[in-house]
Amino acid sequence: MERRGRPRAFDRAAALRSAMELFWRHGYEGVSIKMLEDRLGIAATSLYAAFGSKEALFDEAVEMYDPDGATPTDRALRQPRIRDAVEALLRDNAEAYVDPTTPAGCMLVTAAVNLASGHDHVGEKLAARRRRDSEKIRDRIEQAVRDGELPRCLDPARGSSYLVTVLHGLSIQARDGCTREEAGGIVTVALRGWDALVEDAAALARQ
């Protein structure tokens, strides 16, 4: 009797990446267990055995997408000069949002769309991550103010809100088919807005 070969081992990391792309593209609510079964190539029982639940799988997928300290935002904010950090923040994230090899936009923004009332806590977890990024940006601006690189009258919370709003808008534009060139143009205009914000604060400090 011919012996069967050993079954191919389940690649958990590859399955998690596939699930991440599904959630990124369709949002939490838009991904069904059947879609996960088909994309990951495993039965629901195996999916639950490997990840626990759809929500637990989603949480892991979000962590894979948004690892603390290793995102385009984190890398940008490590730039030594604040103007370079702000430009890298906008340009590098914009590049990621329109990258043709991945789903468009920011998963932390797009995965929260159209959540049912019973999944409000899923949306809150995503909102907490977005707030974390906003706080990182605010902290970097505060550092630049303390170092004298930015005017003392510049409000770090206002500056952070401006940059985060631009990023979220870029994410939606990317989902709507924004090209790389169009995204770059948006960033160029947004940087003029940042420079005007700095100039206004400097003028106020001179009064």
N, C-alpha and C. Protein backbone atom coordinates (compact mmCIF):
# COMPACT_ATOMS: atom_id res chain seq x y z
N MET A 1 0.85 -1.20 0.00
CA MET A 1 0.00 0.00 0.00
C MET A 1 0.88 1.25 0.00
N GLU A 2 0.56 2.19 -0.89
CA GLU A 2 1.35 3.42 -0.96
C GLU A 2 1.10 4.27 0.27
N ARG A 3 2.18 4.74 0.91
CA ARG A 3 2.06 5.57 2.10
C ARG A 3 1.80 7.01 1.71
N ARG A 4 0.92 7.61 2.43
CA ARG A 4 0.65 9.02 2.19
C ARG A 4 1.78 9.88 2.72
N GLY A 5 2.04 10.99 2.02
CA GLY A 5 3.04 11.91 2.53
C GLY A 5 2.52 12.66 3.74
N ARG A 6 3.42 13.22 4.50
CA ARG A 6 3.01 13.98 5.68
C ARG A 6 2.30 15.25 5.23
N PRO A 7 1.23 15.67 5.91
CA PRO A 7 0.53 16.90 5.52
C PRO A 7 1.44 18.11 5.69
N ARG A 8 1.25 19.08 4.81
CA ARG A 8 2.07 20.27 4.88
C ARG A 8 1.79 21.01 6.19
N ALA A 9 2.86 21.45 6.85
CA ALA A 9 2.72 22.12 8.14
C ALA A 9 1.98 23.44 7.96
N PHE A 10 1.18 23.79 8.94
CA PHE A 10 0.44 25.05 8.93
C PHE A 10 1.38 26.19 9.24
N ASP A 11 1.48 27.13 8.34
CA ASP A 11 2.35 28.29 8.51
C ASP A 11 1.52 29.39 9.17
N ARG A 12 1.65 29.51 10.47
CA ARG A 12 0.82 30.44 11.21
C ARG A 12 1.11 31.89 10.83
N ALA A 13 2.39 32.22 10.65
CA ALA A 13 2.76 33.59 10.32
C ALA A 13 2.20 33.99 8.96
N ALA A 14 2.27 33.07 7.99
CA ALA A 14 1.73 33.36 6.65
C ALA A 14 0.22 33.51 6.71
N ALA A 15 -0.42 32.66 7.51
CA ALA A 15 -1.88 32.75 7.66
C ALA A 15 -2.26 34.08 8.30
N LEU A 16 -1.50 34.50 9.29
CA LEU A 16 -1.79 35.77 9.95
C LEU A 16 -1.64 36.94 8.98
N ARG A 17 -0.61 36.90 8.15
CA ARG A 17 -0.43 37.97 7.16
C ARG A 17 -1.59 38.00 6.16
N SER A 18 -2.05 36.83 5.74
CA SER A 18 -3.19 36.78 4.83
C SER A 18 -4.44 37.35 5.49
N ALA A 19 -4.65 37.00 6.75
CA ALA A 19 -5.80 37.54 7.49
C ALA A 19 -5.67 39.05 7.64
N MET A 20 -4.47 39.53 7.93
CA MET A 20 -4.26 40.97 8.06
C MET A 20 -4.66 41.69 6.79
N GLU A 21 -4.29 41.17 5.63
CA GLU A 21 -4.62 41.82 4.37
C GLU A 21 -6.13 41.80 4.11
N LEU A 22 -6.79 40.72 4.54
CA LEU A 22 -8.25 40.67 4.41
C LEU A 22 -8.91 41.76 5.26
N PHE A 23 -8.52 41.84 6.52
CA PHE A 23 -9.09 42.86 7.41
C PHE A 23 -8.74 44.27 6.92
N TRP A 24 -7.55 44.43 6.43
CA TRP A 24 -7.08 45.72 5.92
C TRP A 24 -7.93 46.16 4.73
N ARG A 25 -8.24 45.21 3.87
CA ARG A 25 -8.98 45.53 2.65
C ARG A 25 -10.48 45.69 2.90
N HIS A 26 -11.04 44.83 3.75
CA HIS A 26 -12.50 44.77 3.90
C HIS A 26 -13.01 45.28 5.24
N GLY A 27 -12.12 45.54 6.20
CA GLY A 27 -12.55 45.96 7.53
C GLY A 27 -12.95 44.77 8.39
N TYR A 28 -13.06 45.00 9.68
CA TYR A 28 -13.40 43.91 10.59
C TYR A 28 -14.76 43.33 10.26
N GLU A 29 -15.73 44.19 10.07
CA GLU A 29 -17.10 43.74 9.84
C GLU A 29 -17.26 43.05 8.49
N GLY A 30 -16.44 43.45 7.53
CA GLY A 30 -16.58 42.92 6.18
C GLY A 30 -15.93 41.57 5.95
N VAL A 31 -15.25 41.04 6.93
CA VAL A 31 -14.56 39.74 6.79
C VAL A 31 -15.36 38.67 7.55
N SER A 32 -15.79 37.66 6.84
CA SER A 32 -16.53 36.55 7.46
C SER A 32 -15.59 35.39 7.75
N ILE A 33 -16.06 34.47 8.57
CA ILE A 33 -15.28 33.26 8.84
C ILE A 33 -15.07 32.48 7.55
N LYS A 34 -16.09 32.46 6.69
CA LYS A 34 -15.95 31.76 5.39
C LYS A 34 -14.84 32.38 4.56
N MET A 35 -14.75 33.70 4.55
CA MET A 35 -13.68 34.36 3.81
C MET A 35 -12.32 33.99 4.38
N LEU A 36 -12.24 33.92 5.70
CA LEU A 36 -10.98 33.54 6.35
C LEU A 36 -10.62 32.09 6.02
N GLU A 37 -11.62 31.21 6.05
CA GLU A 37 -11.37 29.80 5.69
C GLU A 37 -10.81 29.71 4.28
N ASP A 38 -11.45 30.40 3.35
CA ASP A 38 -11.03 30.31 1.95
C ASP A 38 -9.65 30.91 1.74
N ARG A 39 -9.38 32.06 2.37
CA ARG A 39 -8.10 32.74 2.17
C ARG A 39 -6.96 32.00 2.86
N LEU A 40 -7.21 31.50 4.07
CA LEU A 40 -6.15 30.84 4.83
C LEU A 40 -6.02 29.36 4.46
N GLY A 41 -7.05 28.80 3.81
CA GLY A 41 -7.00 27.41 3.40
C GLY A 41 -7.14 26.44 4.55
N ILE A 42 -7.87 26.84 5.60
CA ILE A 42 -8.08 25.96 6.75
C ILE A 42 -9.55 26.01 7.14
N ALA A 43 -9.99 24.96 7.83
CA ALA A 43 -11.38 24.91 8.30
C ALA A 43 -11.55 25.81 9.51
N ALA A 44 -12.79 26.16 9.81
CA ALA A 44 -13.08 27.04 10.94
C ALA A 44 -12.54 26.46 12.25
N THR A 45 -12.65 25.13 12.41
CA THR A 45 -12.15 24.52 13.65
C THR A 45 -10.65 24.74 13.80
N SER A 46 -9.91 24.63 12.69
CA SER A 46 -8.46 24.85 12.74
C SER A 46 -8.15 26.32 12.98
N LEU A 47 -8.98 27.19 12.41
CA LEU A 47 -8.78 28.62 12.61
C LEU A 47 -8.94 28.97 14.08
N TYR A 48 -10.00 28.44 14.70
CA TYR A 48 -10.23 28.72 16.12
C TYR A 48 -9.14 28.11 16.98
N ALA A 49 -8.66 26.92 16.59
CA ALA A 49 -7.59 26.29 17.36
C ALA A 49 -6.30 27.10 17.30
N ALA A 50 -6.05 27.72 16.15
CA ALA A 50 -4.80 28.47 15.97
C ALA A 50 -4.87 29.87 16.57
N PHE A 51 -6.06 30.50 16.49
CA PHE A 51 -6.14 31.92 16.87
C PHE A 51 -7.16 32.23 17.96
N GLY A 52 -8.03 31.30 18.27
CA GLY A 52 -8.98 31.51 19.36
C GLY A 52 -10.34 32.00 18.90
N SER A 53 -10.37 33.08 18.14
CA SER A 53 -11.63 33.66 17.67
C SER A 53 -11.31 34.64 16.55
N LYS A 54 -12.35 35.08 15.87
CA LYS A 54 -12.14 36.09 14.83
C LYS A 54 -11.56 37.37 15.44
N GLU A 55 -12.07 37.77 16.58
CA GLU A 55 -11.58 39.01 17.19
C GLU A 55 -10.13 38.88 17.63
N ALA A 56 -9.78 37.71 18.19
CA ALA A 56 -8.40 37.50 18.61
C ALA A 56 -7.46 37.50 17.40
N LEU A 57 -7.93 36.92 16.30
CA LEU A 57 -7.15 36.93 15.06
C LEU A 57 -6.99 38.37 14.56
N PHE A 58 -8.06 39.13 14.63
CA PHE A 58 -8.00 40.53 14.21
C PHE A 58 -7.00 41.31 15.07
N ASP A 59 -7.02 41.08 16.38
CA ASP A 59 -6.09 41.77 17.27
C ASP A 59 -4.64 41.47 16.89
N GLU A 60 -4.36 40.21 16.58
CA GLU A 60 -3.01 39.83 16.16
C GLU A 60 -2.65 40.47 14.83
N ALA A 61 -3.63 40.53 13.92
CA ALA A 61 -3.40 41.13 12.62
C ALA A 61 -3.08 42.62 12.76
N VAL A 62 -3.79 43.30 13.65
CA VAL A 62 -3.53 44.72 13.89
C VAL A 62 -2.13 44.91 14.47
N GLU A 63 -1.73 44.02 15.37
CA GLU A 63 -0.39 44.11 15.95
C GLU A 63 0.68 43.88 14.88
N MET A 64 0.42 42.98 13.96
CA MET A 64 1.37 42.75 12.86
C MET A 64 1.46 44.00 11.98
N TYR A 65 0.33 44.63 11.72
CA TYR A 65 0.32 45.84 10.89
C TYR A 65 0.97 47.01 11.62
N ASP A 66 0.76 47.12 12.91
CA ASP A 66 1.13 48.33 13.66
C ASP A 66 2.03 47.99 14.86
N PRO A 67 3.22 47.41 14.60
CA PRO A 67 4.11 47.07 15.71
C PRO A 67 4.72 48.32 16.33
N ASP A 68 4.61 48.46 17.62
CA ASP A 68 5.10 49.66 18.29
C ASP A 68 6.60 49.82 18.08
N GLY A 69 7.00 50.98 17.58
CA GLY A 69 8.41 51.28 17.37
C GLY A 69 8.93 50.97 15.99
N ALA A 70 8.12 50.34 15.14
CA ALA A 70 8.64 49.88 13.84
C ALA A 70 7.75 50.31 12.67
N THR A 71 6.91 51.32 12.86
CA THR A 71 6.02 51.78 11.81
C THR A 71 6.66 52.96 11.05
N PRO A 72 6.12 53.33 9.88
CA PRO A 72 6.62 54.52 9.20
C PRO A 72 6.57 55.76 10.09
N THR A 73 5.54 55.86 10.91
CA THR A 73 5.45 57.00 11.84
C THR A 73 6.60 56.98 12.84
N ASP A 74 6.87 55.82 13.43
CA ASP A 74 7.96 55.72 14.40
C ASP A 74 9.30 56.08 13.78
N ARG A 75 9.54 55.56 12.58
CA ARG A 75 10.82 55.84 11.92
C ARG A 75 10.94 57.32 11.57
N ALA A 76 9.85 57.91 11.11
CA ALA A 76 9.89 59.32 10.74
C ALA A 76 10.19 60.21 11.94
N LEU A 77 9.57 59.89 13.06
CA LEU A 77 9.74 60.75 14.24
C LEU A 77 11.13 60.65 14.86
N ARG A 78 11.92 59.69 14.41
CA ARG A 78 13.30 59.60 14.89
C ARG A 78 14.26 60.50 14.10
N GLN A 79 13.74 61.19 13.09
CA GLN A 79 14.57 62.15 12.37
C GLN A 79 15.06 63.23 13.35
N PRO A 80 16.32 63.64 13.26
CA PRO A 80 16.85 64.60 14.25
C PRO A 80 16.25 65.99 14.15
N ARG A 81 15.84 66.43 12.97
CA ARG A 81 15.26 67.77 12.81
C ARG A 81 13.75 67.64 12.64
N ILE A 82 12.99 68.50 13.30
CA ILE A 82 11.54 68.38 13.33
C ILE A 82 10.93 68.56 11.94
N ARG A 83 11.45 69.49 11.13
CA ARG A 83 10.87 69.67 9.78
C ARG A 83 11.06 68.40 8.95
N ASP A 84 12.23 67.78 9.06
CA ASP A 84 12.47 66.52 8.35
C ASP A 84 11.56 65.42 8.88
N ALA A 85 11.33 65.42 10.19
CA ALA A 85 10.46 64.40 10.79
C ALA A 85 9.03 64.55 10.28
N VAL A 86 8.56 65.79 10.21
CA VAL A 86 7.19 66.03 9.74
C VAL A 86 7.05 65.62 8.28
N GLU A 87 8.03 65.99 7.46
CA GLU A 87 7.95 65.62 6.05
C GLU A 87 8.00 64.11 5.86
N ALA A 88 8.89 63.44 6.58
CA ALA A 88 8.97 61.98 6.48
C ALA A 88 7.69 61.33 6.98
N LEU A 89 7.11 61.89 8.04
CA LEU A 89 5.85 61.36 8.57
C LEU A 89 4.78 61.33 7.49
N LEU A 90 4.62 62.43 6.79
CA LEU A 90 3.58 62.53 5.77
C LEU A 90 3.95 61.75 4.50
N ARG A 91 5.17 61.91 4.03
CA ARG A 91 5.53 61.27 2.76
C ARG A 91 5.64 59.75 2.90
N ASP A 92 6.25 59.28 3.98
CA ASP A 92 6.44 57.83 4.12
C ASP A 92 5.11 57.11 4.34
N ASN A 93 4.22 57.72 5.12
CA ASN A 93 2.90 57.11 5.30
C ASN A 93 2.10 57.16 4.01
N ALA A 94 2.18 58.27 3.29
CA ALA A 94 1.48 58.37 2.01
C ALA A 94 1.96 57.30 1.04
N GLU A 95 3.27 57.08 1.00
CA GLU A 95 3.82 56.03 0.13
C GLU A 95 3.25 54.66 0.53
N ALA A 96 3.17 54.43 1.82
CA ALA A 96 2.64 53.14 2.30
C ALA A 96 1.16 52.99 1.94
N TYR A 97 0.42 54.07 2.01
CA TYR A 97 -1.02 54.02 1.74
C TYR A 97 -1.31 53.68 0.28
N VAL A 98 -0.45 54.10 -0.64
CA VAL A 98 -0.71 53.88 -2.06
C VAL A 98 0.17 52.77 -2.64
N ASP A 99 0.89 52.06 -1.79
CA ASP A 99 1.75 50.95 -2.23
C ASP A 99 0.88 49.91 -2.96
N PRO A 100 1.16 49.63 -4.24
CA PRO A 100 0.31 48.68 -4.98
C PRO A 100 0.43 47.24 -4.53
N THR A 101 1.43 46.93 -3.70
CA THR A 101 1.61 45.55 -3.25
C THR A 101 0.80 45.23 -1.99
N THR A 102 0.13 46.22 -1.44
CA THR A 102 -0.68 46.01 -0.24
C THR A 102 -2.03 46.70 -0.42
N PRO A 103 -3.02 46.37 0.42
CA PRO A 103 -4.29 47.10 0.35
C PRO A 103 -4.08 48.60 0.58
N ALA A 104 -4.94 49.40 -0.01
CA ALA A 104 -4.78 50.85 0.06
C ALA A 104 -5.19 51.39 1.43
N GLY A 105 -4.56 52.50 1.80
CA GLY A 105 -4.94 53.20 3.02
C GLY A 105 -4.30 52.64 4.27
N CYS A 106 -4.72 53.18 5.40
CA CYS A 106 -4.22 52.79 6.71
C CYS A 106 -5.20 51.83 7.36
N MET A 107 -4.73 50.67 7.75
CA MET A 107 -5.61 49.66 8.35
C MET A 107 -6.28 50.17 9.62
N LEU A 108 -5.60 50.99 10.39
CA LEU A 108 -6.18 51.50 11.64
C LEU A 108 -7.37 52.42 11.38
N VAL A 109 -7.43 52.96 10.17
CA VAL A 109 -8.56 53.82 9.78
C VAL A 109 -9.63 53.00 9.06
N THR A 110 -9.20 52.22 8.06
CA THR A 110 -10.17 51.54 7.21
C THR A 110 -10.85 50.36 7.89
N ALA A 111 -10.17 49.67 8.80
CA ALA A 111 -10.77 48.49 9.43
C ALA A 111 -11.88 48.84 10.40
N ALA A 112 -12.00 50.12 10.76
CA ALA A 112 -13.02 50.53 11.73
C ALA A 112 -14.31 50.99 11.08
N VAL A 113 -14.37 50.94 9.75
CA VAL A 113 -15.54 51.44 9.04
C VAL A 113 -16.73 50.48 9.20
N ASN A 114 -17.91 51.04 9.44
CA ASN A 114 -19.18 50.29 9.46
C ASN A 114 -19.21 49.17 10.52
N LEU A 115 -18.67 49.43 11.68
CA LEU A 115 -18.74 48.44 12.76
C LEU A 115 -20.15 48.39 13.33
N ALA A 116 -20.64 47.18 13.55
CA ALA A 116 -21.95 47.01 14.16
C ALA A 116 -21.88 47.41 15.64
N SER A 117 -23.03 47.72 16.22
CA SER A 117 -23.06 48.22 17.60
C SER A 117 -22.46 47.22 18.58
N GLY A 118 -22.56 45.94 18.30
CA GLY A 118 -22.00 44.94 19.20
C GLY A 118 -20.49 44.86 19.15
N HIS A 119 -19.89 45.57 18.20
CA HIS A 119 -18.43 45.54 18.06
C HIS A 119 -17.80 46.89 18.34
N ASP A 120 -18.47 47.69 19.14
CA ASP A 120 -17.93 49.02 19.48
C ASP A 120 -16.55 48.90 20.11
N HIS A 121 -16.33 47.86 20.89
CA HIS A 121 -15.04 47.71 21.58
C HIS A 121 -13.91 47.48 20.59
N VAL A 122 -14.22 46.87 19.42
CA VAL A 122 -13.21 46.69 18.39
C VAL A 122 -12.79 48.06 17.85
N GLY A 123 -13.79 48.90 17.60
CA GLY A 123 -13.50 50.26 17.14
C GLY A 123 -12.71 51.05 18.16
N GLU A 124 -13.01 50.85 19.43
CA GLU A 124 -12.29 51.58 20.47
C GLU A 124 -10.82 51.17 20.53
N LYS A 125 -10.55 49.89 20.30
CA LYS A 125 -9.15 49.44 20.30
C LYS A 125 -8.38 50.09 19.15
N LEU A 126 -9.02 50.21 18.00
CA LEU A 126 -8.37 50.88 16.88
C LEU A 126 -8.19 52.37 17.18
N ALA A 127 -9.21 52.98 17.78
CA ALA A 127 -9.11 54.40 18.15
C ALA A 127 -7.97 54.63 19.14
N ALA A 128 -7.78 53.68 20.05
CA ALA A 128 -6.69 53.80 21.03
C ALA A 128 -5.33 53.80 20.34
N ARG A 129 -5.21 52.97 19.31
CA ARG A 129 -3.95 52.95 18.56
C ARG A 129 -3.75 54.25 17.79
N ARG A 130 -4.82 54.78 17.23
CA ARG A 130 -4.70 56.06 16.53
C ARG A 130 -4.32 57.17 17.51
N ARG A 131 -4.90 57.13 18.71
CA ARG A 131 -4.54 58.13 19.73
C ARG A 131 -3.08 57.97 20.14
N ARG A 132 -2.61 56.74 20.20
CA ARG A 132 -1.21 56.50 20.55
C ARG A 132 -0.28 57.17 19.54
N ASP A 133 -0.61 57.04 18.26
CA ASP A 133 0.21 57.68 17.23
C ASP A 133 0.14 59.20 17.35
N SER A 134 -1.05 59.71 17.62
CA SER A 134 -1.19 61.15 17.79
C SER A 134 -0.34 61.65 18.96
N GLU A 135 -0.32 60.87 20.04
CA GLU A 135 0.48 61.25 21.21
C GLU A 135 1.98 61.21 20.89
N LYS A 136 2.40 60.26 20.08
CA LYS A 136 3.81 60.20 19.68
C LYS A 136 4.20 61.46 18.89
N ILE A 137 3.32 61.86 17.99
CA ILE A 137 3.59 63.05 17.20
C ILE A 137 3.62 64.28 18.10
N ARG A 138 2.65 64.37 19.01
CA ARG A 138 2.62 65.51 19.94
C ARG A 138 3.88 65.54 20.79
N ASP A 139 4.32 64.38 21.28
CA ASP A 139 5.53 64.33 22.10
C ASP A 139 6.75 64.81 21.32
N ARG A 140 6.81 64.44 20.03
CA ARG A 140 7.95 64.86 19.20
C ARG A 140 7.92 66.37 18.99
N ILE A 141 6.74 66.93 18.80
CA ILE A 141 6.62 68.38 18.66
C ILE A 141 6.99 69.07 19.96
N GLU A 142 6.54 68.53 21.09
CA GLU A 142 6.89 69.11 22.39
C GLU A 142 8.41 69.11 22.59
N GLN A 143 9.06 68.05 22.16
CA GLN A 143 10.52 67.98 22.28
C GLN A 143 11.17 69.09 21.46
N ALA A 144 10.65 69.30 20.24
CA ALA A 144 11.21 70.34 19.38
C ALA A 144 10.99 71.73 19.97
N VAL A 145 9.87 71.93 20.65
CA VAL A 145 9.62 73.21 21.32
C VAL A 145 10.60 73.39 22.47
N ARG A 146 10.79 72.34 23.25
CA ARG A 146 11.73 72.43 24.38
C ARG A 146 13.15 72.70 23.91
N ASP A 147 13.51 72.10 22.77
CA ASP A 147 14.86 72.27 22.23
C ASP A 147 15.06 73.60 21.53
N GLY A 148 14.00 74.39 21.41
CA GLY A 148 14.10 75.68 20.74
C GLY A 148 14.04 75.59 19.23
N GLU A 149 13.73 74.41 18.70
CA GLU A 149 13.65 74.24 17.26
C GLU A 149 12.32 74.74 16.70
N LEU A 150 11.31 74.75 17.54
CA LEU A 150 10.01 75.29 17.19
C LEU A 150 9.67 76.43 18.14
N PRO A 151 8.86 77.39 17.70
CA PRO A 151 8.51 78.52 18.56
C PRO A 151 7.77 78.05 19.81
N ARG A 152 8.03 78.72 20.92
CA ARG A 152 7.42 78.33 22.19
C ARG A 152 5.90 78.52 22.17
N CYS A 153 5.39 79.35 21.25
CA CYS A 153 3.94 79.57 21.18
C CYS A 153 3.23 78.53 20.34
N LEU A 154 3.96 77.62 19.73
CA LEU A 154 3.30 76.59 18.93
C LEU A 154 2.67 75.56 19.86
N ASP A 155 1.41 75.31 19.66
CA ASP A 155 0.65 74.37 20.49
C ASP A 155 0.88 72.95 19.96
N PRO A 156 1.58 72.08 20.71
CA PRO A 156 1.85 70.73 20.23
C PRO A 156 0.59 69.91 19.92
N ALA A 157 -0.46 70.12 20.72
CA ALA A 157 -1.70 69.39 20.47
C ALA A 157 -2.32 69.83 19.15
N ARG A 158 -2.28 71.11 18.88
CA ARG A 158 -2.83 71.62 17.61
C ARG A 158 -2.01 71.11 16.43
N GLY A 159 -0.70 71.14 16.57
CA GLY A 159 0.17 70.64 15.50
C GLY A 159 -0.03 69.17 15.23
N SER A 160 -0.15 68.39 16.30
CA SER A 160 -0.38 66.95 16.15
C SER A 160 -1.72 66.69 15.48
N SER A 161 -2.76 67.41 15.90
CA SER A 161 -4.09 67.23 15.31
C SER A 161 -4.07 67.53 13.83
N TYR A 162 -3.34 68.56 13.45
CA TYR A 162 -3.25 68.92 12.03
C TYR A 162 -2.62 67.78 11.24
N LEU A 163 -1.50 67.25 11.71
CA LEU A 163 -0.78 66.21 10.98
C LEU A 163 -1.58 64.91 10.92
N VAL A 164 -2.23 64.56 12.02
CA VAL A 164 -3.04 63.34 12.04
C VAL A 164 -4.23 63.47 11.10
N THR A 165 -4.83 64.65 11.05
CA THR A 165 -5.96 64.86 10.14
C THR A 165 -5.52 64.69 8.69
N VAL A 166 -4.35 65.20 8.36
CA VAL A 166 -3.81 65.03 7.01
C VAL A 166 -3.60 63.54 6.71
N LEU A 167 -3.02 62.81 7.67
CA LEU A 167 -2.77 61.38 7.46
C LEU A 167 -4.06 60.61 7.24
N HIS A 168 -5.07 60.89 8.05
CA HIS A 168 -6.34 60.18 7.90
C HIS A 168 -6.99 60.52 6.56
N GLY A 169 -6.88 61.77 6.15
CA GLY A 169 -7.42 62.16 4.85
C GLY A 169 -6.68 61.46 3.72
N LEU A 170 -5.38 61.34 3.83
CA LEU A 170 -4.59 60.63 2.83
C LEU A 170 -5.01 59.17 2.73
N SER A 171 -5.33 58.56 3.88
CA SER A 171 -5.76 57.17 3.89
C SER A 171 -7.05 56.99 3.09
N ILE A 172 -8.01 57.90 3.30
CA ILE A 172 -9.27 57.82 2.58
C ILE A 172 -9.05 58.09 1.09
N GLN A 173 -8.20 59.05 0.78
CA GLN A 173 -7.90 59.33 -0.62
C GLN A 173 -7.28 58.11 -1.30
N ALA A 174 -6.40 57.42 -0.58
CA ALA A 174 -5.77 56.22 -1.14
C ALA A 174 -6.81 55.15 -1.42
N ARG A 175 -7.77 54.97 -0.52
CA ARG A 175 -8.83 53.99 -0.74
C ARG A 175 -9.70 54.35 -1.94
N ASP A 176 -9.77 55.64 -2.24
CA ASP A 176 -10.58 56.10 -3.37
C ASP A 176 -9.79 56.09 -4.68
N GLY A 177 -8.56 55.57 -4.65
CA GLY A 177 -7.80 55.43 -5.88
C GLY A 177 -6.77 56.50 -6.14
N CYS A 178 -6.44 57.28 -5.14
CA CYS A 178 -5.41 58.31 -5.28
C CYS A 178 -4.10 57.71 -5.77
N THR A 179 -3.46 58.36 -6.74
CA THR A 179 -2.19 57.86 -7.26
C THR A 179 -1.03 58.32 -6.38
N ARG A 180 0.12 57.75 -6.62
CA ARG A 180 1.32 58.14 -5.89
C ARG A 180 1.63 59.62 -6.11
N GLU A 181 1.48 60.06 -7.35
CA GLU A 181 1.77 61.47 -7.66
C GLU A 181 0.77 62.39 -6.97
N GLU A 182 -0.49 62.00 -6.97
CA GLU A 182 -1.52 62.81 -6.31
C GLU A 182 -1.28 62.88 -4.81
N ALA A 183 -0.91 61.75 -4.22
CA ALA A 183 -0.62 61.74 -2.78
C ALA A 183 0.57 62.64 -2.46
N GLY A 184 1.58 62.59 -3.33
CA GLY A 184 2.74 63.46 -3.12
C GLY A 184 2.37 64.93 -3.20
N GLY A 185 1.46 65.27 -4.11
CA GLY A 185 1.00 66.65 -4.22
C GLY A 185 0.25 67.10 -2.98
N ILE A 186 -0.57 66.22 -2.43
CA ILE A 186 -1.29 66.54 -1.20
C ILE A 186 -0.31 66.81 -0.06
N VAL A 187 0.72 65.98 0.02
CA VAL A 187 1.72 66.16 1.08
C VAL A 187 2.44 67.50 0.92
N THR A 188 2.78 67.86 -0.30
CA THR A 188 3.46 69.13 -0.54
C THR A 188 2.62 70.30 -0.05
N VAL A 189 1.33 70.27 -0.34
CA VAL A 189 0.43 71.34 0.12
C VAL A 189 0.30 71.31 1.64
N ALA A 190 0.20 70.11 2.21
CA ALA A 190 0.07 70.00 3.67
C ALA A 190 1.31 70.51 4.39
N LEU A 191 2.47 70.33 3.79
CA LEU A 191 3.70 70.84 4.40
C LEU A 191 3.71 72.36 4.41
N ARG A 192 3.13 72.97 3.39
CA ARG A 192 3.01 74.44 3.41
C ARG A 192 2.12 74.87 4.57
N GLY A 193 1.08 74.08 4.84
CA GLY A 193 0.23 74.37 5.99
C GLY A 193 0.99 74.26 7.29
N TRP A 194 1.84 73.24 7.40
CA TRP A 194 2.67 73.08 8.61
C TRP A 194 3.61 74.28 8.76
N ASP A 195 4.26 74.66 7.67
CA ASP A 195 5.19 75.80 7.73
C ASP A 195 4.46 77.07 8.15
N ALA A 196 3.23 77.25 7.66
CA ALA A 196 2.45 78.43 8.04
C ALA A 196 2.10 78.39 9.53
N LEU A 197 1.80 77.21 10.02
CA LEU A 197 1.51 77.04 11.45
C LEU A 197 2.72 77.46 12.29
N VAL A 198 3.91 77.04 11.86
CA VAL A 198 5.14 77.39 12.57
C VAL A 198 5.41 78.89 12.48
N GLU A 199 5.21 79.45 11.29
CA GLU A 199 5.45 80.88 11.11
C GLU A 199 4.50 81.73 11.95
N ASP A 200 3.24 81.32 12.03
CA ASP A 200 2.26 82.05 12.85
C ASP A 200 2.67 82.01 14.33
N ALA A 201 3.16 80.85 14.77
CA ALA A 201 3.57 80.72 16.18
C ALA A 201 4.82 81.60 16.44
N ALA A 202 5.71 81.64 15.47
CA ALA A 202 6.91 82.46 15.62
C ALA A 202 6.54 83.95 15.69
N ALA A 203 5.58 84.37 14.85
CA ALA A 203 5.13 85.77 14.87
C ALA A 203 4.50 86.11 16.20
N LEU A 204 3.72 85.17 16.75
CA LEU A 204 3.08 85.40 18.03
C LEU A 204 4.12 85.50 19.16
N ALA A 205 5.18 84.71 19.06
CA ALA A 205 6.23 84.73 20.07
C ALA A 205 7.01 86.05 20.05
N ARG A 206 7.06 86.68 18.89
CA ARG A 206 7.80 87.95 18.77
C ARG A 206 7.01 89.14 19.31
N GLN A 207 5.72 88.96 19.51
CA GLN A 207 4.89 90.09 19.97
C GLN A 207 5.17 90.44 21.43
